[in-house]
N, C-alpha and C. Protein backbone atom coordinates (compact mmCIF):
# COMPACT_ATOMS: atom_id res chain seq x y z
N MET A 1 120.15 127.00 83.75
CA MET A 1 119.21 125.73 83.21
C MET A 1 119.06 125.28 81.86
N SER A 2 119.60 124.69 80.74
CA SER A 2 119.28 124.66 79.21
C SER A 2 117.78 124.57 78.93
N GLU A 3 117.43 125.08 77.50
CA GLU A 3 116.52 125.10 77.00
C GLU A 3 115.32 123.66 77.43
N GLN A 4 116.65 122.87 76.96
CA GLN A 4 116.29 121.37 76.88
C GLN A 4 115.53 120.70 78.41
N GLU A 5 116.40 121.45 79.30
CA GLU A 5 116.07 120.98 80.65
C GLU A 5 115.15 121.86 81.05
N GLN A 6 114.81 123.00 80.54
CA GLN A 6 113.46 123.96 80.85
C GLN A 6 112.59 122.73 80.47
N GLN A 7 112.78 122.31 79.13
CA GLN A 7 111.37 121.78 78.56
C GLN A 7 111.21 120.52 79.40
N ARG A 8 112.06 119.66 79.63
CA ARG A 8 111.86 118.75 80.75
C ARG A 8 111.68 118.37 82.38
N ALA A 9 111.59 120.05 83.08
CA ALA A 9 111.38 120.15 84.22
C ALA A 9 109.96 120.50 83.64
N GLN A 10 109.11 121.17 82.23
CA GLN A 10 107.94 121.64 82.52
C GLN A 10 106.90 120.52 82.09
N THR A 11 107.52 119.43 81.00
CA THR A 11 107.11 117.73 80.99
C THR A 11 106.65 117.36 82.42
N LEU A 12 107.66 117.10 83.05
CA LEU A 12 107.26 116.44 84.22
C LEU A 12 106.80 117.32 85.15
N GLY A 13 106.91 118.13 85.50
CA GLY A 13 105.91 119.02 86.07
C GLY A 13 104.17 118.65 85.75
N ASN A 14 104.04 118.83 84.44
CA ASN A 14 102.60 118.34 83.84
C ASN A 14 102.07 116.62 84.34
N LEU A 15 103.04 115.88 83.66
CA LEU A 15 102.94 114.73 84.31
C LEU A 15 102.43 114.51 85.94
N ILE A 16 103.20 115.27 86.52
CA ILE A 16 102.88 115.42 88.17
C ILE A 16 101.48 115.88 88.26
N GLN A 17 101.63 116.88 88.32
CA GLN A 17 99.75 117.12 87.90
C GLN A 17 98.67 116.44 87.53
N ARG A 18 99.17 115.78 86.30
CA ARG A 18 97.99 114.81 86.20
C ARG A 18 98.13 113.67 86.94
N ALA A 19 98.99 113.23 87.55
CA ALA A 19 98.77 111.90 88.17
C ALA A 19 98.17 112.61 89.57
N ARG A 20 98.43 113.40 89.86
CA ARG A 20 97.77 113.72 91.00
C ARG A 20 96.10 113.91 90.87
N LEU A 21 95.81 115.07 89.71
CA LEU A 21 94.53 115.15 89.68
C LEU A 21 93.64 113.72 89.95
N HIS A 22 94.36 112.76 88.41
CA HIS A 22 93.92 111.20 88.72
C HIS A 22 93.65 110.86 89.61
N ALA A 23 94.90 111.39 90.77
CA ALA A 23 94.57 110.36 92.09
C ALA A 23 93.68 110.83 93.02
N GLY A 24 93.04 112.03 92.71
CA GLY A 24 92.48 112.95 93.48
C GLY A 24 93.10 113.41 94.36
N ARG A 25 94.23 113.71 94.66
CA ARG A 25 94.84 114.45 95.43
C ARG A 25 94.96 115.92 95.23
N THR A 26 95.14 116.75 96.17
CA THR A 26 95.37 118.29 96.18
C THR A 26 96.69 118.52 96.53
N ALA A 27 97.45 119.74 96.23
CA ALA A 27 98.48 120.12 95.91
C ALA A 27 99.22 119.98 97.66
N ALA A 28 98.20 120.28 98.27
CA ALA A 28 98.91 120.58 99.62
C ALA A 28 98.81 118.93 100.54
N GLU A 29 98.20 118.11 99.92
CA GLU A 29 98.60 116.52 100.27
C GLU A 29 100.08 115.80 99.57
N CYS A 30 100.38 116.57 98.48
CA CYS A 30 101.49 115.87 97.85
C CYS A 30 102.78 116.82 98.23
N ALA A 31 102.47 118.00 98.63
CA ALA A 31 103.43 118.71 99.54
C ALA A 31 103.60 118.48 100.94
N ALA A 32 103.12 117.69 101.38
CA ALA A 32 102.84 117.64 102.82
C ALA A 32 104.00 115.92 102.82
N VAL A 33 103.64 115.05 101.70
CA VAL A 33 104.21 114.13 101.33
C VAL A 33 106.23 113.84 101.62
N LEU A 34 106.11 115.33 100.61
CA LEU A 34 107.55 115.92 100.12
C LEU A 34 108.34 116.74 101.13
N ALA A 35 107.09 116.98 102.23
CA ALA A 35 108.17 117.87 103.31
C ALA A 35 108.14 119.33 103.03
N ILE A 36 107.26 119.93 101.79
CA ILE A 36 107.58 121.19 101.47
C ILE A 36 106.71 122.20 101.72
N GLU A 37 106.55 123.40 101.43
CA GLU A 37 105.36 124.46 101.46
C GLU A 37 104.39 123.86 100.24
N ALA A 38 102.88 124.02 100.18
CA ALA A 38 101.86 123.92 99.29
C ALA A 38 102.53 124.82 98.01
N GLU A 39 102.90 126.03 98.64
CA GLU A 39 103.22 127.04 97.17
C GLU A 39 104.48 126.62 96.45
N ASN A 40 105.32 125.94 97.05
CA ASN A 40 106.23 125.64 96.42
C ASN A 40 105.97 124.25 95.23
N PHE A 41 104.98 123.29 95.65
CA PHE A 41 104.79 122.13 95.22
C PHE A 41 103.44 122.69 93.60
N ASP A 42 103.25 123.75 93.94
CA ASP A 42 102.84 124.76 92.59
C ASP A 42 103.95 124.99 91.44
N GLU A 43 104.99 125.19 92.19
CA GLU A 43 106.34 125.25 91.07
C GLU A 43 106.80 123.67 91.00
N VAL A 44 106.62 122.98 91.63
CA VAL A 44 107.03 121.86 91.36
C VAL A 44 106.17 121.69 89.91
N GLU A 45 104.72 121.64 89.71
CA GLU A 45 103.79 121.40 88.34
C GLU A 45 104.08 122.35 87.84
N ASN A 46 104.72 123.21 87.88
CA ASN A 46 105.01 124.44 86.76
C ASN A 46 106.14 124.18 86.35
N GLY A 47 107.00 123.38 86.61
CA GLY A 47 108.32 123.17 86.47
C GLY A 47 109.37 123.67 86.94
N ARG A 48 109.19 124.07 88.24
CA ARG A 48 110.22 125.67 88.76
C ARG A 48 110.66 125.36 89.94
N PHE A 49 110.64 123.99 90.47
CA PHE A 49 110.76 123.45 91.37
C PHE A 49 111.31 121.97 91.53
N PRO A 50 113.43 121.99 91.39
CA PRO A 50 113.32 121.02 91.47
C PRO A 50 112.97 119.87 92.56
N LEU A 51 113.31 118.64 92.39
CA LEU A 51 112.65 116.78 92.57
C LEU A 51 113.84 116.26 92.82
N SER A 52 114.09 115.48 93.61
CA SER A 52 115.03 114.21 93.71
C SER A 52 114.50 113.17 93.08
N LEU A 53 115.29 112.31 92.85
CA LEU A 53 114.57 111.09 92.61
C LEU A 53 113.43 110.54 93.90
N PRO A 54 114.30 110.30 94.93
CA PRO A 54 113.29 110.07 96.16
C PRO A 54 112.12 110.87 96.35
N ASP A 55 112.21 112.06 95.37
CA ASP A 55 110.79 112.60 95.88
C ASP A 55 109.97 111.97 94.74
N LEU A 56 110.24 111.92 93.59
CA LEU A 56 109.55 110.78 92.42
C LEU A 56 108.99 109.89 93.11
N GLU A 57 109.45 108.88 93.74
CA GLU A 57 109.31 107.69 94.09
C GLU A 57 108.83 107.96 95.39
N ALA A 58 108.71 108.75 96.22
CA ALA A 58 107.52 109.04 96.74
C ALA A 58 105.99 109.44 96.61
N LEU A 59 106.30 110.23 95.34
CA LEU A 59 104.82 110.98 94.40
C LEU A 59 104.00 109.73 93.83
N ALA A 60 105.29 108.81 93.43
CA ALA A 60 104.53 107.43 92.59
C ALA A 60 103.89 106.55 93.76
N ILE A 61 104.46 106.45 94.63
CA ILE A 61 104.04 105.62 95.60
C ILE A 61 102.45 106.02 96.68
N PHE A 62 102.58 107.40 96.42
CA PHE A 62 101.46 108.02 97.26
C PHE A 62 100.26 108.58 96.09
N LEU A 63 100.75 108.63 94.99
CA LEU A 63 99.74 108.52 93.80
C LEU A 63 98.98 107.56 92.93
N GLU A 64 99.97 106.27 93.86
CA GLU A 64 99.66 104.96 93.29
C GLU A 64 100.00 105.27 92.06
N VAL A 65 101.22 105.53 90.92
CA VAL A 65 101.54 105.57 89.52
C VAL A 65 102.72 104.65 89.29
N PRO A 66 102.92 104.06 88.60
CA PRO A 66 104.35 103.47 88.31
C PRO A 66 105.67 104.36 87.69
N MET A 67 106.54 104.04 88.80
CA MET A 67 108.15 105.13 88.21
C MET A 67 107.80 105.75 86.97
N GLY A 68 107.56 104.36 85.95
CA GLY A 68 107.73 104.92 84.16
C GLY A 68 106.93 105.44 83.89
N TYR A 69 106.19 105.97 84.74
CA TYR A 69 105.05 106.72 84.30
C TYR A 69 105.78 108.45 83.92
N PHE A 70 106.58 108.47 84.70
CA PHE A 70 107.48 109.85 84.93
C PHE A 70 108.19 109.46 83.70
N TRP A 71 108.61 108.10 83.05
CA TRP A 71 109.54 108.42 82.08
C TRP A 71 109.03 107.92 80.93
N GLY A 72 107.86 108.47 80.69
CA GLY A 72 106.77 108.29 79.59
C GLY A 72 107.09 106.75 78.90
N THR A 73 107.26 105.74 79.91
CA THR A 73 107.17 104.08 79.61
C THR A 73 106.24 103.58 79.89
N ALA A 74 105.04 104.40 80.75
CA ALA A 74 103.71 103.66 81.20
C ALA A 74 102.68 104.55 81.16
N ALA A 75 101.29 104.75 81.47
CA ALA A 75 100.49 105.22 81.01
C ALA A 75 99.83 105.10 82.61
N LEU A 76 98.80 106.04 82.27
CA LEU A 76 98.05 106.24 83.87
C LEU A 76 97.11 105.35 83.73
N LYS A 77 96.54 104.48 84.71
CA LYS A 77 95.22 103.54 84.45
C LYS A 77 94.26 104.21 84.51
N GLN A 78 93.41 104.04 83.09
CA GLN A 78 92.17 104.67 83.25
C GLN A 78 91.14 103.36 83.83
N PRO A 79 90.26 103.94 84.98
CA PRO A 79 89.51 103.03 85.94
C PRO A 79 87.97 102.87 84.78
N THR A 80 87.67 101.63 84.12
CA THR A 80 86.34 101.20 83.50
C THR A 80 85.26 101.73 84.69
N GLN A 81 84.56 102.94 84.37
CA GLN A 81 83.31 103.04 85.36
C GLN A 81 82.06 102.27 84.66
N PRO A 82 81.41 101.72 85.85
CA PRO A 82 80.51 101.13 85.28
C PRO A 82 79.19 102.16 85.26
N ASN A 83 77.79 101.58 84.70
CA ASN A 83 76.69 102.25 84.40
C ASN A 83 75.73 102.25 85.95
N TYR A 84 76.22 102.96 86.74
CA TYR A 84 75.86 103.03 88.02
C TYR A 84 73.71 102.55 88.26
N ALA A 85 73.47 104.00 86.91
CA ALA A 85 71.71 103.95 87.05
C ALA A 85 71.46 102.46 86.89
N ALA A 86 71.94 102.01 85.93
CA ALA A 86 71.60 100.62 85.16
C ALA A 86 71.38 99.73 86.19
N PHE A 87 72.92 99.85 87.33
CA PHE A 87 73.41 98.51 88.10
C PHE A 87 72.52 99.20 89.11
N LEU A 88 71.95 100.24 89.68
CA LEU A 88 71.17 100.13 90.72
C LEU A 88 69.74 99.91 90.41
N ALA A 89 69.39 100.39 89.27
CA ALA A 89 67.89 99.37 88.65
C ALA A 89 67.86 98.10 88.94
N LEU A 90 68.86 97.70 87.97
CA LEU A 90 68.93 95.58 88.04
C LEU A 90 68.93 95.54 89.65
N ARG A 91 69.73 95.96 90.62
CA ARG A 91 69.78 95.13 91.88
C ARG A 91 68.23 95.42 92.64
N HIS A 92 67.90 96.64 92.46
CA HIS A 92 66.68 96.77 93.00
C HIS A 92 65.40 95.65 92.88
N ARG A 93 65.54 95.22 91.24
CA ARG A 93 64.54 94.32 91.06
C ARG A 93 65.21 93.40 91.56
N ILE A 94 66.17 92.45 91.64
CA ILE A 94 66.78 91.12 91.77
C ILE A 94 66.32 91.39 93.55
N ILE A 95 66.29 92.31 94.37
CA ILE A 95 66.64 92.49 95.30
C ILE A 95 64.57 92.18 95.85
N ALA A 96 63.69 92.75 94.70
CA ALA A 96 62.63 92.58 94.99
C ALA A 96 62.18 91.22 94.70
N VAL A 97 62.55 90.49 93.79
CA VAL A 97 62.30 89.18 93.69
C VAL A 97 62.69 88.45 94.75
N LEU A 98 63.84 88.23 95.20
CA LEU A 98 64.68 88.08 96.73
C LEU A 98 63.64 88.33 97.70
N LEU A 99 63.22 89.32 97.76
CA LEU A 99 62.45 89.27 99.03
C LEU A 99 60.66 88.67 99.29
N ARG A 100 60.30 88.67 97.81
CA ARG A 100 58.81 87.69 97.39
C ARG A 100 59.36 86.50 97.52
N GLN A 101 60.65 86.09 97.37
CA GLN A 101 60.75 84.24 97.14
C GLN A 101 61.18 84.40 98.86
N GLU A 102 61.61 85.47 99.43
CA GLU A 102 61.56 84.59 101.00
C GLU A 102 60.64 84.73 102.16
N ARG A 103 59.29 85.78 101.35
CA ARG A 103 58.39 85.83 102.22
C ARG A 103 57.31 84.33 101.66
N LEU A 104 57.94 83.85 99.83
CA LEU A 104 56.67 83.08 100.01
C LEU A 104 57.21 81.76 100.66
N LYS A 105 58.27 81.81 100.87
CA LYS A 105 58.75 80.11 101.35
C LYS A 105 59.01 80.40 103.04
N ALA A 106 58.20 81.52 103.70
CA ALA A 106 58.24 81.61 104.94
C ALA A 106 56.62 81.46 105.07
N LYS A 107 55.92 81.00 104.19
CA LYS A 107 54.57 80.90 104.34
C LYS A 107 53.33 81.89 105.05
N GLN A 108 54.05 83.35 104.59
CA GLN A 108 53.52 84.10 105.40
C GLN A 108 53.05 85.28 104.39
N SER A 109 51.73 85.90 104.82
CA SER A 109 51.18 87.55 104.11
C SER A 109 51.95 88.59 104.00
N VAL A 110 51.76 89.34 103.06
CA VAL A 110 52.37 90.50 103.38
C VAL A 110 52.02 91.83 104.89
N ALA A 111 50.72 91.08 104.93
CA ALA A 111 49.83 91.70 106.23
C ALA A 111 51.10 91.28 107.52
N GLU A 112 51.32 89.98 107.32
CA GLU A 112 51.68 89.21 108.44
C GLU A 112 53.04 89.86 108.51
N VAL A 113 53.86 89.73 107.69
CA VAL A 113 55.16 89.96 107.81
C VAL A 113 54.67 91.63 108.22
N ALA A 114 54.57 92.44 107.71
CA ALA A 114 54.38 93.64 107.96
C ALA A 114 54.19 94.40 109.22
N GLN A 115 52.95 93.50 109.68
CA GLN A 115 52.82 93.48 111.34
C GLN A 115 54.01 93.02 111.96
N ALA A 116 54.58 92.30 111.42
CA ALA A 116 55.90 91.56 112.61
C ALA A 116 56.83 92.94 112.52
N ILE A 117 57.53 92.93 111.25
CA ILE A 117 58.60 94.03 111.34
C ILE A 117 58.06 95.36 111.61
N GLY A 118 57.07 95.65 111.79
CA GLY A 118 56.62 97.08 112.12
C GLY A 118 56.35 98.48 110.82
N CYS A 119 56.20 97.74 109.71
CA CYS A 119 55.87 98.49 108.39
C CYS A 119 54.67 98.57 107.87
N GLU A 120 53.86 99.62 106.57
CA GLU A 120 53.03 99.64 106.61
C GLU A 120 53.02 98.03 105.35
N ALA A 121 52.12 97.68 105.03
CA ALA A 121 51.66 96.65 103.79
C ALA A 121 52.00 97.10 102.86
N THR A 122 51.52 98.34 102.47
CA THR A 122 51.87 98.82 101.40
C THR A 122 53.24 99.34 100.62
N ASP A 123 53.86 99.22 101.75
CA ASP A 123 55.20 99.34 101.64
C ASP A 123 56.04 98.35 101.19
N LEU A 124 55.33 96.96 102.11
CA LEU A 124 56.30 95.86 102.02
C LEU A 124 55.84 95.82 100.51
N GLU A 125 54.42 95.63 99.63
CA GLU A 125 54.49 95.58 98.33
C GLU A 125 55.10 96.21 97.74
N ALA A 126 55.27 97.46 97.89
CA ALA A 126 55.87 98.30 96.73
C ALA A 126 57.46 97.91 96.73
N TYR A 127 58.23 97.62 97.83
CA TYR A 127 59.35 96.79 98.09
C TYR A 127 59.55 95.70 97.34
N GLU A 128 58.17 94.67 97.10
CA GLU A 128 58.78 93.34 96.62
C GLU A 128 58.17 93.98 94.90
N SER A 129 57.75 94.52 94.85
CA SER A 129 57.28 94.55 93.42
C SER A 129 58.47 95.63 93.02
N GLY A 130 59.33 95.98 93.26
CA GLY A 130 60.50 97.14 93.36
C GLY A 130 60.00 98.35 92.71
N GLN A 131 59.02 98.47 92.85
CA GLN A 131 58.54 100.10 92.98
C GLN A 131 59.35 100.92 93.77
N THR A 132 59.61 100.37 94.62
CA THR A 132 60.66 101.35 95.55
C THR A 132 61.84 100.73 96.38
N PRO A 133 63.12 101.37 96.39
CA PRO A 133 63.84 101.12 96.57
C PRO A 133 63.61 100.43 98.37
N ILE A 134 64.28 99.60 99.10
CA ILE A 134 63.88 98.83 100.09
C ILE A 134 65.47 99.39 101.02
N PRO A 135 64.91 100.42 102.10
CA PRO A 135 65.66 101.09 103.16
C PRO A 135 66.30 99.50 103.76
N TYR A 136 67.99 99.83 103.98
CA TYR A 136 68.54 99.24 104.48
C TYR A 136 68.58 98.27 105.82
N LEU A 137 67.99 99.35 106.11
CA LEU A 137 67.54 98.96 107.88
C LEU A 137 66.47 98.09 107.77
N THR A 138 65.53 98.14 106.56
CA THR A 138 64.15 97.33 106.80
C THR A 138 64.63 96.47 106.32
N LEU A 139 65.86 95.98 105.35
CA LEU A 139 66.14 95.22 104.73
C LEU A 139 66.98 94.15 105.98
N GLU A 140 67.31 94.59 106.77
CA GLU A 140 67.98 94.15 107.76
C GLU A 140 67.10 93.10 108.97
N ALA A 141 65.55 94.19 109.11
CA ALA A 141 64.72 93.75 109.86
C ALA A 141 63.93 92.30 108.95
N LEU A 142 63.93 92.73 107.74
CA LEU A 142 63.23 91.26 107.05
C LEU A 142 64.28 90.18 107.29
N CYS A 143 65.46 90.27 107.20
CA CYS A 143 66.64 89.92 107.23
C CYS A 143 66.24 88.79 108.38
N ARG A 144 66.28 89.50 109.27
CA ARG A 144 66.01 88.55 110.95
C ARG A 144 64.52 88.06 111.57
N HIS A 145 63.76 88.87 110.53
CA HIS A 145 62.65 88.09 110.42
C HIS A 145 62.67 86.78 109.63
N TYR A 146 63.21 86.87 108.75
CA TYR A 146 63.06 85.25 107.82
C TYR A 146 64.33 84.43 108.14
N ASP A 147 64.81 84.66 109.15
CA ASP A 147 66.15 84.18 109.21
C ASP A 147 67.11 83.66 108.32
N ALA A 148 67.57 84.85 107.57
CA ALA A 148 68.37 85.01 106.07
C ALA A 148 69.18 85.85 106.68
N PRO A 149 70.46 85.21 105.60
CA PRO A 149 71.70 86.56 105.75
C PRO A 149 71.48 86.98 104.64
N ILE A 150 72.11 88.54 105.23
CA ILE A 150 72.25 89.40 104.91
C ILE A 150 72.57 89.74 103.18
N SER A 151 73.53 88.39 103.60
CA SER A 151 74.63 88.05 101.96
C SER A 151 73.88 87.31 101.02
N ALA A 152 72.80 87.31 101.48
CA ALA A 152 72.11 86.63 100.49
C ALA A 152 71.51 87.21 99.54
N PHE A 153 71.53 88.43 99.69
CA PHE A 153 70.73 90.05 99.09
C PHE A 153 71.99 90.52 98.44
N VAL A 154 73.18 90.05 98.58
CA VAL A 154 74.50 90.74 97.80
C VAL A 154 74.74 90.17 96.91
N ASP A 155 74.92 90.70 95.54
CA ASP A 155 75.79 90.55 94.51
C ASP A 155 77.31 90.30 94.34
N ALA A 156 77.69 89.35 95.25
CA ALA A 156 79.31 89.35 95.19
C ALA A 156 79.85 88.36 94.69
N GLN A 157 79.31 87.94 93.80
CA GLN A 157 79.31 86.68 92.38
C GLN A 157 79.80 87.15 91.02
N ASN A 158 78.83 88.54 91.02
CA ASN A 158 78.80 88.37 89.03
C ASN A 158 78.44 89.96 89.20
N GLY A 159 78.56 90.75 88.21
CA GLY A 159 78.73 92.34 87.86
C GLY A 159 79.67 93.13 88.49
N PRO A 160 79.37 94.38 88.53
CA PRO A 160 80.29 95.27 88.89
C PRO A 160 81.19 95.16 90.64
N LEU A 161 79.77 94.49 91.26
CA LEU A 161 80.83 94.47 92.86
C LEU A 161 81.07 92.78 92.73
N GLY A 162 80.80 92.02 92.01
CA GLY A 162 81.78 91.27 92.18
C GLY A 162 83.17 91.32 91.74
N ARG A 163 83.03 92.03 90.70
CA ARG A 163 84.68 92.25 90.22
C ARG A 163 85.34 93.06 91.47
N HIS A 164 85.12 93.94 91.78
CA HIS A 164 85.21 94.82 93.06
C HIS A 164 85.68 93.98 94.41
N GLU A 165 84.81 93.09 94.76
CA GLU A 165 85.38 92.06 95.79
C GLU A 165 86.54 91.42 95.34
N ALA A 166 86.27 90.89 93.99
CA ALA A 166 87.11 89.61 93.89
C ALA A 166 88.72 90.34 93.74
N GLU A 167 88.77 91.98 93.04
CA GLU A 167 89.74 93.08 93.46
C GLU A 167 90.26 92.98 94.97
N GLN A 168 89.49 93.43 95.55
CA GLN A 168 89.81 93.38 96.97
C GLN A 168 90.28 92.70 97.58
N ARG A 169 89.84 91.77 97.27
CA ARG A 169 90.49 89.72 98.04
C ARG A 169 92.00 89.90 97.46
N LEU A 170 91.95 90.21 96.05
CA LEU A 170 93.46 89.95 95.13
C LEU A 170 94.48 91.10 95.87
N GLN A 171 94.32 92.35 96.40
CA GLN A 171 94.80 93.19 96.65
C GLN A 171 95.52 92.71 98.40
N LYS A 172 94.33 92.05 98.93
CA LYS A 172 94.65 91.41 100.69
C LYS A 172 96.03 90.42 100.44
N LEU A 173 95.48 89.56 99.39
CA LEU A 173 96.40 88.36 99.51
C LEU A 173 97.81 88.70 98.90
N PHE A 174 97.17 89.79 98.03
CA PHE A 174 99.56 90.17 97.38
C PHE A 174 99.76 90.90 98.49
N HIS A 175 99.46 91.59 99.34
CA HIS A 175 100.15 92.41 100.63
C HIS A 175 100.51 91.90 101.51
N GLU A 176 99.79 90.17 101.47
CA GLU A 176 100.32 89.89 102.63
C GLU A 176 101.43 88.60 102.48
N LEU A 177 101.43 88.91 101.35
CA LEU A 177 102.81 87.79 100.78
C LEU A 177 104.17 88.53 101.25
N SER A 178 104.99 87.83 101.15
CA SER A 178 106.72 88.42 101.35
C SER A 178 107.12 89.02 99.87
N PRO A 179 107.71 90.31 100.19
CA PRO A 179 108.52 91.06 99.55
C PRO A 179 108.83 90.06 98.26
N GLU A 180 109.68 88.96 98.30
CA GLU A 180 109.99 87.92 97.55
C GLU A 180 109.05 87.28 96.83
N MET A 181 108.46 86.91 97.58
CA MET A 181 106.95 86.21 96.49
C MET A 181 106.68 87.40 95.62
N GLN A 182 106.27 88.89 96.24
CA GLN A 182 105.69 90.02 95.85
C GLN A 182 106.44 89.69 94.08
N ALA A 183 107.58 90.14 94.44
CA ALA A 183 108.37 90.11 93.06
C ALA A 183 108.39 88.51 92.51
N PHE A 184 108.22 87.58 92.63
CA PHE A 184 108.31 86.75 91.84
C PHE A 184 106.87 86.72 91.21
N VAL A 185 105.78 87.02 91.69
CA VAL A 185 104.69 87.25 90.91
C VAL A 185 104.23 88.20 90.39
N THR A 186 104.98 89.20 90.10
CA THR A 186 105.29 90.49 89.45
C THR A 186 106.41 90.81 88.56
N ASN A 187 106.84 89.53 88.31
CA ASN A 187 107.74 89.15 87.10
C ASN A 187 107.15 88.35 86.60
N PRO A 188 107.36 89.39 85.19
CA PRO A 188 106.99 88.80 83.46
C PRO A 188 107.42 87.15 83.28
N SER A 189 108.70 87.44 83.42
CA SER A 189 109.18 86.00 83.07
C SER A 189 108.97 85.01 83.99
N ASN A 190 108.21 85.21 85.33
CA ASN A 190 107.90 83.97 85.57
C ASN A 190 106.35 83.75 85.25
N VAL A 191 105.57 83.68 84.26
CA VAL A 191 103.94 83.32 83.95
C VAL A 191 104.35 82.07 83.87
N SER A 192 105.01 81.90 82.99
CA SER A 192 105.10 80.16 83.01
C SER A 192 105.01 79.06 83.72
N PHE A 193 106.08 79.78 85.11
CA PHE A 193 105.70 78.89 85.94
C PHE A 193 104.62 79.09 86.76
N LEU A 194 104.19 80.10 86.65
CA LEU A 194 102.68 80.31 87.82
C LEU A 194 101.43 79.71 86.95
N GLU A 195 101.41 79.92 85.27
CA GLU A 195 100.63 78.53 84.73
C GLU A 195 100.65 77.54 85.02
N THR A 196 101.63 76.66 85.23
CA THR A 196 102.26 75.55 85.80
C THR A 196 101.48 75.23 86.87
N ALA A 197 102.19 76.22 87.87
CA ALA A 197 101.14 76.00 89.35
C ALA A 197 99.85 75.79 89.33
N ARG A 198 99.73 76.69 88.32
CA ARG A 198 97.70 76.59 88.31
C ARG A 198 97.15 75.40 87.76
N ARG A 199 97.95 75.12 86.58
CA ARG A 199 97.50 73.51 86.15
C ARG A 199 98.00 72.32 87.24
N LEU A 200 98.47 72.57 87.72
CA LEU A 200 99.12 70.94 88.88
C LEU A 200 98.34 71.47 89.89
N SER A 201 97.63 72.83 90.36
CA SER A 201 96.69 72.72 91.38
C SER A 201 95.18 71.88 90.83
N SER A 202 95.07 72.20 89.92
CA SER A 202 94.09 71.39 89.21
C SER A 202 93.78 70.32 89.12
N MET A 203 94.61 69.68 88.94
CA MET A 203 95.01 67.76 88.88
C MET A 203 94.82 67.27 89.52
N ASN A 204 93.98 66.01 89.52
CA ASN A 204 93.76 65.08 90.26
C ASN A 204 94.81 64.20 91.07
N VAL A 205 94.75 63.25 92.06
CA VAL A 205 96.32 63.06 92.61
C VAL A 205 96.90 61.81 91.81
N GLU A 206 95.94 61.44 90.67
CA GLU A 206 96.95 60.31 89.84
C GLU A 206 97.15 61.05 88.96
N GLY A 207 96.79 62.21 88.72
CA GLY A 207 97.87 62.94 87.64
C GLY A 207 99.30 63.02 88.08
N LEU A 208 99.14 63.95 88.96
CA LEU A 208 100.10 64.34 90.20
C LEU A 208 101.33 63.38 90.03
N ARG A 209 100.47 62.14 90.55
CA ARG A 209 101.29 60.54 90.84
C ARG A 209 102.10 60.76 89.52
N ARG A 210 101.68 60.43 88.15
CA ARG A 210 102.39 60.24 86.81
C ARG A 210 103.19 61.21 86.74
N ILE A 211 103.33 62.24 86.93
CA ILE A 211 104.44 63.42 86.71
C ILE A 211 105.44 63.34 87.36
N ALA A 212 105.24 62.79 88.91
CA ALA A 212 105.97 62.51 89.92
C ALA A 212 106.85 61.55 89.34
N GLU A 213 106.42 60.43 88.84
CA GLU A 213 106.97 59.13 88.23
C GLU A 213 107.53 59.56 87.38
N SER A 214 107.31 60.60 86.10
CA SER A 214 108.64 60.90 84.85
C SER A 214 109.48 61.96 85.66
N ILE A 215 109.19 62.52 86.20
CA ILE A 215 110.15 63.32 87.04
C ILE A 215 111.42 62.21 87.23
N LEU A 216 110.92 61.41 88.16
CA LEU A 216 112.19 60.52 88.55
C LEU A 216 112.48 59.49 87.51
N ASP A 217 111.97 59.31 86.56
CA ASP A 217 112.44 58.50 85.01
C ASP A 217 113.63 59.63 84.53
N ILE A 218 113.29 60.81 84.63
CA ILE A 218 114.49 61.72 84.38
C ILE A 218 115.84 61.63 85.41
N THR A 219 115.32 61.92 86.29
CA THR A 219 116.66 61.82 86.86
C THR A 219 117.60 60.86 87.38
N TYR A 220 116.65 59.66 87.15
CA TYR A 220 117.84 58.10 87.42
C TYR A 220 118.10 57.72 86.32
């Protein structure tokens, strides 16, 4: 192996190691994917164990990185981490307000509700004031008492959870598409077609009719 090839092998090994650590995978897990010994995968990351192109493809799938990453044309995706402390503090305050609103809507006192669900009135007051985070099972009990869905307390529209839920839905929808549709959607040259489809989907019937008439005028 020439010096240039050795340098490339070492660079590739470093890239594989960074991708593995970024994905939170162990060397043993990656070795199992490639059907090799864990010790051999250590050699892979040191640039001393040859890999085939299918090996790299399997690692790209397993570590969820684009193939271009191994060629230097794509970078590892850096996820943005929300401020979890601020998120938790805000969500506890919001849930506290919602709890009080549900009780007032039910026209019941703290003592009445506490007795109904079997908790201390002082605890319920602490939950409603936001001083103490309400345990999830207690929240479920209050939802049953108020005949309110637990989803009423979930922040699924805004903030970090809203974005997380949206990403999960998009991933689910994408994986349900046929391979042909997946290829079409991910092709950058088709962005204009997707934008046209988006605009058409928001148009009223009259607008769509005018477009159809214009197309007929062109074709005849």
